[in-house]
Every structure is written in C-alpha cells, then in structure tokens.
Amino acid sequence: MDIHFLLQLPVANLLWLDYMTKVLQNVLLINCSELTYSQLTW
C-alpha cells in the first residue's frame, strides 16, 4: 500500500491517528507502571 494514498483518505487518517494515540497511551502506561514498580522495589 502507498502511504501517500492512505494519507489522502480522511477516514484512514482518523483511524491512523486513533491507532497511534492508543499505542502512545500504552507506551506511557507501561513506562509509568515500570517507573512506579522500580521505585517500589528500590
């Protein structure tokens, strides 16, 4: 699939943004829980 073609589609754009937001939220959650865990065990 061509990325430029996907970027021209509003729906695909929204889905991509939604997906990236969820991924970022998961990464932040994992990082926060790891930091908390390391602080507790430290």
C-alpha atoms as a PDB file:
ATOM      1  CA  MET A   1       0.000   0.000   0.000  1.00  0.00           C
ATOM      2  CA  ASP A   2       1.108   3.514  -0.768  1.00  0.00           C
ATOM      3  CA  ILE A   3       1.339   5.703   2.316  1.00  0.00           C
ATOM      4  CA  HIS A   4       0.623   8.867   0.325  1.00  0.00           C
ATOM      5  CA  PHE A   5      -2.605   7.300  -0.888  1.00  0.00           C
ATOM      6  CA  LEU A   6      -3.592   6.487   2.684  1.00  0.00           C
ATOM      7  CA  LEU A   7      -2.813   9.998   3.878  1.00  0.00           C
ATOM      8  CA  GLN A   8      -5.244  11.397   1.317  1.00  0.00           C
ATOM      9  CA  LEU A   9      -8.102   9.428   2.834  1.00  0.00           C
ATOM     10  CA  PRO A  10      -9.706  11.228   5.796  1.00  0.00           C
ATOM     11  CA  VAL A  11     -11.093   8.016   7.287  1.00  0.00           C
ATOM     12  CA  ALA A  12      -7.764   6.235   7.113  1.00  0.00           C
ATOM     13  CA  ASN A  13      -6.142   9.317   8.611  1.00  0.00           C
ATOM     14  CA  LEU A  14      -8.515   9.265  11.576  1.00  0.00           C
ATOM     15  CA  LEU A  15      -8.005   5.543  12.079  1.00  0.00           C
ATOM     16  CA  TRP A  16      -4.239   6.019  11.935  1.00  0.00           C
ATOM     17  CA  LEU A  17      -4.380   8.853  14.488  1.00  0.00           C
ATOM     18  CA  ASP A  18      -6.625   6.777  16.730  1.00  0.00           C
ATOM     19  CA  TYR A  19      -4.252   3.825  16.446  1.00  0.00           C
ATOM     20  CA  MET A  20      -1.171   5.920  17.186  1.00  0.00           C
ATOM     21  CA  THR A  21      -2.903   7.545  20.153  1.00  0.00           C
ATOM     22  CA  LYS A  22      -3.675   4.134  21.636  1.00  0.00           C
ATOM     23  CA  VAL A  23      -0.125   2.957  21.048  1.00  0.00           C
ATOM     24  CA  LEU A  24       1.305   6.061  22.711  1.00  0.00           C
ATOM     25  CA  GLN A  25      -1.067   5.680  25.645  1.00  0.00           C
ATOM     26  CA  ASN A  26       0.013   2.059  26.083  1.00  0.00           C
ATOM     27  CA  VAL A  27       3.677   3.031  25.950  1.00  0.00           C
ATOM     28  CA  LEU A  28       3.140   5.767  28.516  1.00  0.00           C
ATOM     29  CA  LEU A  29       1.166   3.425  30.764  1.00  0.00           C
ATOM     30  CA  ILE A  30       3.886   0.783  30.572  1.00  0.00           C
ATOM     31  CA  ASN A  31       6.610   3.341  31.273  1.00  0.00           C
ATOM     32  CA  CYS A  32       4.707   4.798  34.220  1.00  0.00           C
ATOM     33  CA  SER A  33       3.994   1.392  35.744  1.00  0.00           C
ATOM     34  CA  GLU A  34       7.617   0.353  35.270  1.00  0.00           C
ATOM     35  CA  LEU A  35       8.811   3.544  36.939  1.00  0.00           C
ATOM     36  CA  THR A  36       6.421   3.030  39.826  1.00  0.00           C
ATOM     37  CA  TYR A  37       7.461  -0.592  40.124  1.00  0.00           C
ATOM     38  CA  SER A  38      11.151   0.235  40.135  1.00  0.00           C
ATOM     39  CA  GLN A  39      10.554   2.902  42.791  1.00  0.00           C
ATOM     40  CA  LEU A  40       8.646   0.443  44.959  1.00  0.00           C
ATOM     41  CA  THR A  41      11.290  -2.249  44.675  1.00  0.00           C
ATOM     42  CA  TRP A  42      14.116   0.201  45.084  1.00  0.00           C
END
